[in-house]
N, C-alpha and C. Protein backbone atom coordinates (compact mmCIF):
# COMPACT_ATOMS: atom_id res chain seq x y z
N UNK A 1 0.81 -1.19 0.00
CA UNK A 1 0.00 0.00 0.00
C UNK A 1 0.85 1.26 0.00
N UNK A 2 2.00 1.24 0.66
CA UNK A 2 2.87 2.41 0.67
C UNK A 2 3.35 2.77 -0.73
N UNK A 3 3.59 1.74 -1.57
CA UNK A 3 4.00 1.98 -2.94
C UNK A 3 2.90 2.74 -3.68
N UNK A 4 1.64 2.38 -3.47
CA UNK A 4 0.51 3.04 -4.12
C UNK A 4 0.44 4.51 -3.69
N UNK A 5 0.67 4.79 -2.43
CA UNK A 5 0.65 6.17 -1.94
C UNK A 5 1.75 6.99 -2.61
N UNK A 6 2.91 6.40 -2.81
CA UNK A 6 4.01 7.09 -3.47
C UNK A 6 3.64 7.38 -4.92
N UNK A 7 3.04 6.40 -5.60
CA UNK A 7 2.64 6.57 -7.00
C UNK A 7 1.64 7.69 -7.17
N UNK A 8 0.76 7.87 -6.21
CA UNK A 8 -0.33 8.82 -6.33
C UNK A 8 -0.13 10.08 -5.51
N UNK A 9 1.09 10.41 -5.18
CA UNK A 9 1.37 11.55 -4.31
C UNK A 9 0.90 12.88 -4.90
N UNK A 10 0.81 12.99 -6.23
CA UNK A 10 0.38 14.23 -6.87
C UNK A 10 -1.13 14.32 -7.07
N UNK A 11 -1.85 13.30 -6.66
CA UNK A 11 -3.30 13.30 -6.86
C UNK A 11 -3.98 13.60 -5.53
N UNK A 12 -4.23 14.87 -5.29
CA UNK A 12 -4.77 15.29 -4.00
C UNK A 12 -6.28 15.18 -3.91
N UNK A 13 -7.01 15.07 -5.04
CA UNK A 13 -8.47 15.00 -4.97
C UNK A 13 -8.99 13.57 -4.93
N UNK A 14 -8.20 12.62 -5.41
CA UNK A 14 -8.63 11.23 -5.44
C UNK A 14 -8.76 10.69 -4.03
N UNK A 15 -9.91 10.15 -3.71
CA UNK A 15 -10.12 9.55 -2.39
C UNK A 15 -10.60 10.53 -1.33
N UNK A 16 -10.71 11.81 -1.66
CA UNK A 16 -11.22 12.78 -0.69
C UNK A 16 -12.70 12.55 -0.46
N UNK A 17 -13.12 12.68 0.79
CA UNK A 17 -14.53 12.46 1.11
C UNK A 17 -15.41 13.63 0.68
N UNK A 18 -14.84 14.81 0.62
CA UNK A 18 -15.58 15.98 0.13
C UNK A 18 -14.90 16.48 -1.14
N UNK A 19 -15.72 17.01 -2.03
CA UNK A 19 -15.21 17.50 -3.30
C UNK A 19 -15.60 18.96 -3.47
N UNK A 20 -14.63 19.78 -3.78
CA UNK A 20 -14.90 21.19 -4.04
C UNK A 20 -15.01 21.39 -5.55
N UNK A 21 -16.16 21.90 -5.98
CA UNK A 21 -16.38 22.17 -7.39
C UNK A 21 -16.12 23.64 -7.68
N UNK A 22 -15.28 23.90 -8.66
CA UNK A 22 -15.00 25.27 -9.08
C UNK A 22 -15.89 25.59 -10.27
N UNK A 23 -16.52 26.74 -10.23
CA UNK A 23 -17.47 27.12 -11.27
C UNK A 23 -16.85 28.03 -12.33
N UNK A 24 -15.56 28.30 -12.21
CA UNK A 24 -14.86 29.10 -13.20
C UNK A 24 -13.68 28.30 -13.73
N UNK A 25 -13.46 28.39 -15.02
CA UNK A 25 -12.41 27.63 -15.70
C UNK A 25 -11.09 27.69 -14.94
N UNK A 26 -10.48 26.51 -14.75
CA UNK A 26 -9.23 26.44 -13.99
C UNK A 26 -8.42 25.24 -14.46
N UNK A 27 -7.42 25.49 -15.30
CA UNK A 27 -6.56 24.42 -15.83
C UNK A 27 -5.72 23.76 -14.75
N UNK A 28 -5.47 24.47 -13.65
CA UNK A 28 -4.63 23.91 -12.59
C UNK A 28 -5.31 22.74 -11.86
N UNK A 29 -6.56 22.48 -12.14
CA UNK A 29 -7.26 21.36 -11.51
C UNK A 29 -6.77 20.01 -12.03
N UNK A 30 -6.19 19.98 -13.22
CA UNK A 30 -5.70 18.72 -13.79
C UNK A 30 -4.54 18.16 -12.97
N UNK A 31 -4.65 16.90 -12.60
CA UNK A 31 -3.59 16.23 -11.85
C UNK A 31 -3.13 15.00 -12.62
N UNK A 32 -1.94 14.53 -12.28
CA UNK A 32 -1.33 13.45 -13.04
C UNK A 32 -0.84 12.33 -12.13
N UNK A 33 -0.55 11.22 -12.76
CA UNK A 33 0.20 10.16 -12.10
C UNK A 33 1.08 9.50 -13.15
N UNK A 34 2.07 8.78 -12.69
CA UNK A 34 3.08 8.18 -13.56
C UNK A 34 2.49 7.02 -14.37
N UNK A 35 2.82 7.00 -15.66
CA UNK A 35 2.45 5.89 -16.53
C UNK A 35 3.37 4.71 -16.22
N UNK A 36 2.80 3.61 -15.80
CA UNK A 36 3.60 2.42 -15.47
C UNK A 36 4.05 1.65 -16.71
N UNK A 37 3.53 2.01 -17.88
CA UNK A 37 3.84 1.27 -19.10
C UNK A 37 4.27 2.22 -20.23
N UNK A 38 5.28 3.06 -20.01
CA UNK A 38 5.66 4.05 -21.02
C UNK A 38 6.22 3.43 -22.30
N UNK A 39 6.66 2.18 -22.25
CA UNK A 39 7.17 1.50 -23.44
C UNK A 39 6.07 0.94 -24.33
N UNK A 40 4.86 0.89 -23.83
CA UNK A 40 3.71 0.41 -24.61
C UNK A 40 2.93 1.59 -25.14
N UNK A 41 2.54 1.53 -26.40
CA UNK A 41 1.61 2.52 -26.93
C UNK A 41 0.20 1.97 -26.75
N UNK A 42 -0.64 2.73 -26.07
CA UNK A 42 -2.03 2.33 -25.85
C UNK A 42 -2.87 3.58 -25.66
N UNK A 43 -4.15 3.45 -25.97
CA UNK A 43 -5.07 4.58 -25.84
C UNK A 43 -5.77 4.55 -24.50
N UNK A 44 -6.01 5.75 -23.98
CA UNK A 44 -6.88 5.97 -22.83
C UNK A 44 -7.98 6.87 -23.34
N UNK A 45 -9.24 6.50 -23.10
CA UNK A 45 -10.34 7.30 -23.60
C UNK A 45 -11.25 7.70 -22.46
N UNK A 46 -11.58 8.99 -22.43
CA UNK A 46 -12.54 9.53 -21.46
C UNK A 46 -13.76 10.00 -22.23
N UNK A 47 -14.93 9.70 -21.71
CA UNK A 47 -16.19 10.15 -22.28
C UNK A 47 -16.90 11.00 -21.24
N UNK A 48 -17.21 12.22 -21.57
CA UNK A 48 -17.90 13.12 -20.66
C UNK A 48 -19.22 13.54 -21.31
N UNK A 49 -20.32 12.83 -21.03
CA UNK A 49 -21.59 13.14 -21.70
C UNK A 49 -22.36 14.31 -21.10
N UNK A 50 -21.81 14.96 -20.07
CA UNK A 50 -22.55 16.03 -19.40
C UNK A 50 -21.75 17.34 -19.33
N UNK A 51 -20.99 17.63 -20.37
CA UNK A 51 -20.19 18.85 -20.41
C UNK A 51 -21.10 20.06 -20.63
N UNK A 52 -20.82 21.14 -19.91
CA UNK A 52 -21.55 22.39 -20.14
C UNK A 52 -20.57 23.55 -20.13
N UNK A 53 -20.88 24.52 -20.96
CA UNK A 53 -20.17 25.80 -20.98
C UNK A 53 -21.21 26.85 -21.35
N UNK A 54 -20.78 28.08 -21.50
CA UNK A 54 -21.70 29.15 -21.84
C UNK A 54 -21.35 29.77 -23.19
N UNK A 55 -22.37 30.18 -23.93
CA UNK A 55 -22.15 30.94 -25.15
C UNK A 55 -21.54 32.28 -24.75
N UNK A 56 -20.43 32.68 -25.39
CA UNK A 56 -19.77 33.92 -24.99
C UNK A 56 -20.57 35.18 -25.37
N UNK A 57 -21.55 35.04 -26.23
CA UNK A 57 -22.34 36.19 -26.68
C UNK A 57 -23.64 36.31 -25.88
N UNK A 58 -24.40 35.20 -25.82
CA UNK A 58 -25.72 35.25 -25.18
C UNK A 58 -25.70 34.85 -23.71
N UNK A 59 -24.65 34.11 -23.30
CA UNK A 59 -24.60 33.60 -21.94
C UNK A 59 -25.47 32.38 -21.73
N UNK A 60 -26.10 31.87 -22.79
CA UNK A 60 -26.93 30.68 -22.67
C UNK A 60 -26.05 29.44 -22.54
N UNK A 61 -26.55 28.42 -21.84
CA UNK A 61 -25.74 27.21 -21.67
C UNK A 61 -25.64 26.40 -22.95
N UNK A 62 -24.49 25.79 -23.15
CA UNK A 62 -24.26 24.85 -24.23
C UNK A 62 -23.96 23.50 -23.60
N UNK A 63 -24.53 22.45 -24.16
CA UNK A 63 -24.38 21.10 -23.62
C UNK A 63 -23.71 20.22 -24.67
N UNK A 64 -22.80 19.35 -24.20
CA UNK A 64 -22.07 18.51 -25.15
C UNK A 64 -21.62 17.22 -24.49
N UNK A 65 -21.31 16.27 -25.35
CA UNK A 65 -20.52 15.11 -24.95
C UNK A 65 -19.11 15.39 -25.44
N UNK A 66 -18.14 15.23 -24.55
CA UNK A 66 -16.73 15.45 -24.89
C UNK A 66 -16.03 14.10 -24.86
N UNK A 67 -15.26 13.82 -25.90
CA UNK A 67 -14.50 12.58 -26.01
C UNK A 67 -13.02 12.93 -26.08
N UNK A 68 -12.25 12.39 -25.15
CA UNK A 68 -10.81 12.63 -25.09
C UNK A 68 -10.12 11.28 -25.21
N UNK A 69 -9.29 11.12 -26.22
CA UNK A 69 -8.48 9.90 -26.38
C UNK A 69 -7.03 10.31 -26.47
N UNK A 70 -6.19 9.62 -25.71
CA UNK A 70 -4.76 9.96 -25.78
C UNK A 70 -3.90 8.72 -25.60
N UNK A 71 -2.69 8.83 -26.13
CA UNK A 71 -1.65 7.82 -25.94
C UNK A 71 -0.66 8.43 -24.95
N UNK A 72 -0.58 7.90 -23.74
CA UNK A 72 0.28 8.53 -22.73
C UNK A 72 1.76 8.32 -23.04
N UNK A 73 2.56 9.22 -22.50
CA UNK A 73 4.01 9.07 -22.54
C UNK A 73 4.44 8.75 -21.12
N UNK A 74 4.94 9.72 -20.39
CA UNK A 74 5.41 9.46 -19.02
C UNK A 74 4.34 9.67 -17.97
N UNK A 75 3.38 10.55 -18.27
CA UNK A 75 2.34 10.89 -17.29
C UNK A 75 0.96 10.58 -17.83
N UNK A 76 0.02 10.42 -16.91
CA UNK A 76 -1.38 10.18 -17.25
C UNK A 76 -2.26 11.16 -16.49
N UNK A 77 -3.45 11.39 -17.02
CA UNK A 77 -4.41 12.28 -16.36
C UNK A 77 -5.21 11.49 -15.34
N UNK A 78 -5.29 12.02 -14.15
CA UNK A 78 -6.12 11.40 -13.10
C UNK A 78 -7.57 11.76 -13.39
N UNK A 79 -8.46 10.77 -13.42
CA UNK A 79 -9.82 10.97 -13.93
C UNK A 79 -10.69 11.89 -13.07
N UNK A 80 -10.58 11.83 -11.75
CA UNK A 80 -11.40 12.72 -10.93
C UNK A 80 -10.98 14.17 -11.15
N UNK A 81 -9.70 14.42 -11.27
CA UNK A 81 -9.25 15.79 -11.53
C UNK A 81 -9.74 16.26 -12.91
N UNK A 82 -9.80 15.35 -13.88
CA UNK A 82 -10.32 15.69 -15.20
C UNK A 82 -11.80 16.07 -15.09
N UNK A 83 -12.54 15.31 -14.31
CA UNK A 83 -13.96 15.61 -14.10
C UNK A 83 -14.13 17.01 -13.51
N UNK A 84 -13.34 17.33 -12.50
CA UNK A 84 -13.42 18.64 -11.87
C UNK A 84 -12.98 19.75 -12.83
N UNK A 85 -11.96 19.48 -13.62
CA UNK A 85 -11.49 20.43 -14.63
C UNK A 85 -12.59 20.71 -15.66
N UNK A 86 -13.20 19.65 -16.20
CA UNK A 86 -14.25 19.83 -17.18
C UNK A 86 -15.45 20.56 -16.57
N UNK A 87 -15.75 20.28 -15.32
CA UNK A 87 -16.83 20.97 -14.62
C UNK A 87 -16.56 22.47 -14.52
N UNK A 88 -15.27 22.84 -14.45
CA UNK A 88 -14.92 24.26 -14.29
C UNK A 88 -15.28 25.10 -15.52
N UNK A 89 -15.67 24.46 -16.61
CA UNK A 89 -16.12 25.18 -17.80
C UNK A 89 -17.58 25.63 -17.66
N UNK A 90 -18.25 25.20 -16.62
CA UNK A 90 -19.68 25.45 -16.45
C UNK A 90 -20.06 26.92 -16.63
N UNK A 91 -19.28 27.83 -16.12
CA UNK A 91 -19.56 29.27 -16.25
C UNK A 91 -18.59 29.96 -17.20
N UNK A 92 -17.88 29.17 -17.98
CA UNK A 92 -16.88 29.71 -18.90
C UNK A 92 -17.56 30.03 -20.23
N UNK A 93 -17.41 31.24 -20.70
CA UNK A 93 -17.99 31.63 -21.97
C UNK A 93 -16.99 31.53 -23.10
N UNK A 94 -17.18 30.57 -23.98
CA UNK A 94 -16.32 30.41 -25.15
C UNK A 94 -17.08 29.65 -26.22
N UNK A 95 -16.67 29.83 -27.46
CA UNK A 95 -17.28 29.08 -28.54
C UNK A 95 -16.89 27.61 -28.43
N UNK A 96 -17.71 26.75 -29.05
CA UNK A 96 -17.48 25.30 -28.98
C UNK A 96 -16.07 24.92 -29.42
N UNK A 97 -15.65 25.49 -30.54
CA UNK A 97 -14.33 25.18 -31.09
C UNK A 97 -13.22 25.58 -30.12
N UNK A 98 -13.42 26.71 -29.45
CA UNK A 98 -12.42 27.16 -28.47
C UNK A 98 -12.33 26.21 -27.29
N UNK A 99 -13.48 25.78 -26.78
CA UNK A 99 -13.48 24.86 -25.64
C UNK A 99 -12.68 23.60 -25.95
N UNK A 100 -12.92 23.02 -27.13
CA UNK A 100 -12.23 21.78 -27.51
C UNK A 100 -10.73 22.00 -27.61
N UNK A 101 -10.31 23.09 -28.23
CA UNK A 101 -8.88 23.38 -28.36
C UNK A 101 -8.24 23.71 -27.02
N UNK A 102 -8.95 24.41 -26.15
CA UNK A 102 -8.43 24.72 -24.81
C UNK A 102 -8.22 23.43 -24.02
N UNK A 103 -9.22 22.54 -24.06
CA UNK A 103 -9.10 21.26 -23.34
C UNK A 103 -7.88 20.49 -23.85
N UNK A 104 -7.74 20.39 -25.16
CA UNK A 104 -6.60 19.65 -25.73
C UNK A 104 -5.27 20.28 -25.31
N UNK A 105 -5.16 21.59 -25.43
CA UNK A 105 -3.89 22.26 -25.10
C UNK A 105 -3.56 22.16 -23.62
N UNK A 106 -4.57 22.24 -22.76
CA UNK A 106 -4.32 22.10 -21.32
C UNK A 106 -3.81 20.71 -20.98
N UNK A 107 -4.39 19.69 -21.60
CA UNK A 107 -3.93 18.32 -21.34
C UNK A 107 -2.52 18.12 -21.90
N UNK A 108 -2.24 18.66 -23.08
CA UNK A 108 -0.89 18.57 -23.65
C UNK A 108 0.11 19.21 -22.69
N UNK A 109 -0.21 20.39 -22.21
CA UNK A 109 0.69 21.10 -21.30
C UNK A 109 0.90 20.31 -20.00
N UNK A 110 -0.14 19.62 -19.55
CA UNK A 110 -0.08 18.90 -18.27
C UNK A 110 0.66 17.57 -18.37
N UNK A 111 0.42 16.79 -19.43
CA UNK A 111 1.00 15.43 -19.47
C UNK A 111 1.90 15.16 -20.67
N UNK A 112 1.95 16.05 -21.65
CA UNK A 112 2.76 15.85 -22.85
C UNK A 112 2.57 14.45 -23.45
N UNK A 113 1.34 14.14 -23.89
CA UNK A 113 1.09 12.80 -24.43
C UNK A 113 1.76 12.61 -25.78
N UNK A 114 1.89 11.34 -26.18
CA UNK A 114 2.41 11.05 -27.51
C UNK A 114 1.40 11.49 -28.57
N UNK A 115 0.12 11.30 -28.25
CA UNK A 115 -0.95 11.64 -29.18
C UNK A 115 -2.19 11.97 -28.36
N UNK A 116 -3.01 12.89 -28.88
CA UNK A 116 -4.29 13.19 -28.23
C UNK A 116 -5.27 13.69 -29.27
N UNK A 117 -6.54 13.33 -29.06
CA UNK A 117 -7.61 13.91 -29.85
C UNK A 117 -8.77 14.21 -28.91
N UNK A 118 -9.41 15.35 -29.18
CA UNK A 118 -10.54 15.79 -28.38
C UNK A 118 -11.66 16.15 -29.34
N UNK A 119 -12.82 15.60 -29.08
CA UNK A 119 -13.97 15.89 -29.93
C UNK A 119 -15.14 16.29 -29.05
N UNK A 120 -15.88 17.28 -29.51
CA UNK A 120 -17.10 17.70 -28.84
C UNK A 120 -18.28 17.46 -29.73
N UNK A 121 -19.35 16.94 -29.17
CA UNK A 121 -20.61 16.78 -29.89
C UNK A 121 -21.64 17.61 -29.12
N UNK A 122 -21.81 18.84 -29.58
CA UNK A 122 -22.67 19.79 -28.90
C UNK A 122 -24.12 19.65 -29.36
N UNK A 123 -25.02 19.76 -28.42
CA UNK A 123 -26.44 19.73 -28.75
C UNK A 123 -26.79 20.98 -29.55
N UNK A 124 -27.79 20.87 -30.43
CA UNK A 124 -28.12 22.02 -31.27
C UNK A 124 -28.74 23.17 -30.50
N UNK A 125 -28.41 24.35 -30.96
CA UNK A 125 -29.10 25.58 -30.57
C UNK A 125 -29.37 26.32 -31.86
N UNK A 126 -30.57 26.79 -32.03
CA UNK A 126 -30.92 27.45 -33.28
C UNK A 126 -30.94 26.50 -34.46
N UNK A 127 -31.12 25.21 -34.18
CA UNK A 127 -31.25 24.22 -35.25
C UNK A 127 -29.94 23.68 -35.80
N UNK A 128 -28.80 24.07 -35.20
CA UNK A 128 -27.50 23.59 -35.71
C UNK A 128 -26.69 23.00 -34.56
N UNK A 129 -26.18 21.79 -34.79
CA UNK A 129 -25.24 21.22 -33.83
C UNK A 129 -23.83 21.41 -34.38
N UNK A 130 -22.87 21.56 -33.48
CA UNK A 130 -21.48 21.78 -33.87
C UNK A 130 -20.64 20.69 -33.21
N UNK A 131 -19.79 20.04 -34.01
CA UNK A 131 -18.97 18.93 -33.53
C UNK A 131 -17.49 19.20 -33.81
N UNK A 132 -16.83 20.07 -33.05
CA UNK A 132 -15.42 20.34 -33.31
C UNK A 132 -14.52 19.17 -32.92
N UNK A 133 -13.43 19.04 -33.66
CA UNK A 133 -12.45 17.97 -33.45
C UNK A 133 -11.06 18.59 -33.53
N UNK A 134 -10.21 18.25 -32.58
CA UNK A 134 -8.82 18.72 -32.61
C UNK A 134 -7.92 17.56 -32.21
N UNK A 135 -6.71 17.51 -32.78
CA UNK A 135 -5.77 16.48 -32.37
C UNK A 135 -4.35 17.00 -32.43
N UNK A 136 -3.45 16.17 -31.89
CA UNK A 136 -2.04 16.54 -31.82
C UNK A 136 -1.21 15.26 -31.73
N UNK A 137 -0.10 15.25 -32.46
CA UNK A 137 0.88 14.18 -32.34
C UNK A 137 2.23 14.79 -32.00
N UNK A 138 2.92 14.17 -31.07
CA UNK A 138 4.21 14.70 -30.62
C UNK A 138 5.19 14.80 -31.78
N UNK A 139 5.89 15.93 -31.85
CA UNK A 139 6.89 16.16 -32.90
C UNK A 139 7.95 15.07 -32.90
N UNK A 140 8.46 14.76 -34.08
CA UNK A 140 9.54 13.78 -34.27
C UNK A 140 9.17 12.38 -33.81
N UNK A 141 7.87 12.05 -33.87
CA UNK A 141 7.42 10.69 -33.59
C UNK A 141 6.46 10.27 -34.70
N UNK A 142 6.17 8.99 -34.77
CA UNK A 142 5.18 8.52 -35.76
C UNK A 142 3.80 9.06 -35.43
N UNK A 143 3.58 9.48 -34.19
CA UNK A 143 2.28 10.01 -33.79
C UNK A 143 1.97 11.34 -34.48
N UNK A 144 2.98 12.05 -34.92
CA UNK A 144 2.75 13.28 -35.69
C UNK A 144 2.05 12.95 -37.00
N UNK A 145 2.50 11.87 -37.67
CA UNK A 145 1.86 11.45 -38.92
C UNK A 145 0.46 10.89 -38.66
N UNK A 146 0.30 10.18 -37.57
CA UNK A 146 -1.04 9.67 -37.20
C UNK A 146 -2.01 10.84 -37.04
N UNK A 147 -1.55 11.89 -36.37
CA UNK A 147 -2.41 13.06 -36.15
C UNK A 147 -2.82 13.69 -37.48
N UNK A 148 -1.87 13.80 -38.39
CA UNK A 148 -2.21 14.39 -39.69
C UNK A 148 -3.23 13.55 -40.44
N UNK A 149 -3.03 12.24 -40.45
CA UNK A 149 -3.98 11.35 -41.14
C UNK A 149 -5.35 11.37 -40.48
N UNK A 150 -5.36 11.32 -39.16
CA UNK A 150 -6.65 11.35 -38.43
C UNK A 150 -7.40 12.65 -38.71
N UNK A 151 -6.68 13.75 -38.78
CA UNK A 151 -7.33 15.02 -39.06
C UNK A 151 -7.90 15.04 -40.48
N UNK A 152 -7.13 14.52 -41.44
CA UNK A 152 -7.60 14.49 -42.83
C UNK A 152 -8.86 13.64 -42.97
N UNK A 153 -8.90 12.51 -42.26
CA UNK A 153 -9.96 11.53 -42.49
C UNK A 153 -10.94 11.40 -41.31
N UNK A 154 -10.89 12.29 -40.36
CA UNK A 154 -11.68 12.08 -39.13
C UNK A 154 -13.18 12.00 -39.38
N UNK A 155 -13.69 12.63 -40.42
CA UNK A 155 -15.13 12.63 -40.64
C UNK A 155 -15.47 12.05 -42.02
N UNK A 156 -14.69 11.09 -42.45
CA UNK A 156 -14.89 10.49 -43.76
C UNK A 156 -16.26 9.80 -43.85
N UNK A 157 -16.69 9.22 -42.74
CA UNK A 157 -17.99 8.55 -42.69
C UNK A 157 -18.81 9.22 -41.57
N UNK A 158 -19.37 10.38 -41.85
CA UNK A 158 -20.09 11.09 -40.78
C UNK A 158 -21.29 10.32 -40.29
N UNK A 159 -21.57 10.49 -39.02
CA UNK A 159 -22.72 9.81 -38.43
C UNK A 159 -24.01 10.44 -38.92
N UNK A 160 -25.08 9.65 -38.89
CA UNK A 160 -26.40 10.18 -39.19
C UNK A 160 -26.90 10.85 -37.93
N UNK A 161 -27.28 12.10 -38.03
CA UNK A 161 -27.73 12.85 -36.86
C UNK A 161 -29.24 12.90 -36.88
N UNK A 162 -29.85 12.13 -35.99
CA UNK A 162 -31.31 12.15 -35.94
C UNK A 162 -31.86 12.17 -34.52
N UNK A 163 -30.98 12.28 -33.56
CA UNK A 163 -31.45 12.21 -32.18
C UNK A 163 -31.03 13.40 -31.32
N UNK A 164 -30.50 14.43 -31.93
CA UNK A 164 -30.17 15.59 -31.11
C UNK A 164 -30.48 16.86 -31.81
């Protein structure tokens, strides 16, 4: 058990009996832990079906499902801290595309993954839904080429939208 405590020393929110929710955007909420398998390439995927932010013009709420997939390098994102970080967008006013790029850049800055992609599927307002997608592959790795290909072909077979 002592080894586990050492591994998770940077994760201060995990296991806390009380949780403090911040209602204003705060990138410092993201916490990390060491990847035990840095020699293996593998994906970690987070699905957040209850993301909310605010329209920067009208102040009306925007609702989305956010999908984050990444290939870790040395560090990984602790999931409870990610939940609190995403919650901090609740009163943040930004366009959908900005939210997705901010989330991706904050995670890159925090864990420096080999590869990451972030997609938002926002519910329609005014009859239009917006689904921004952003990705990144670490320079001088094969993941840079993967990112380029994924960006080129990410919506080659778009989904049929009939339920939102």
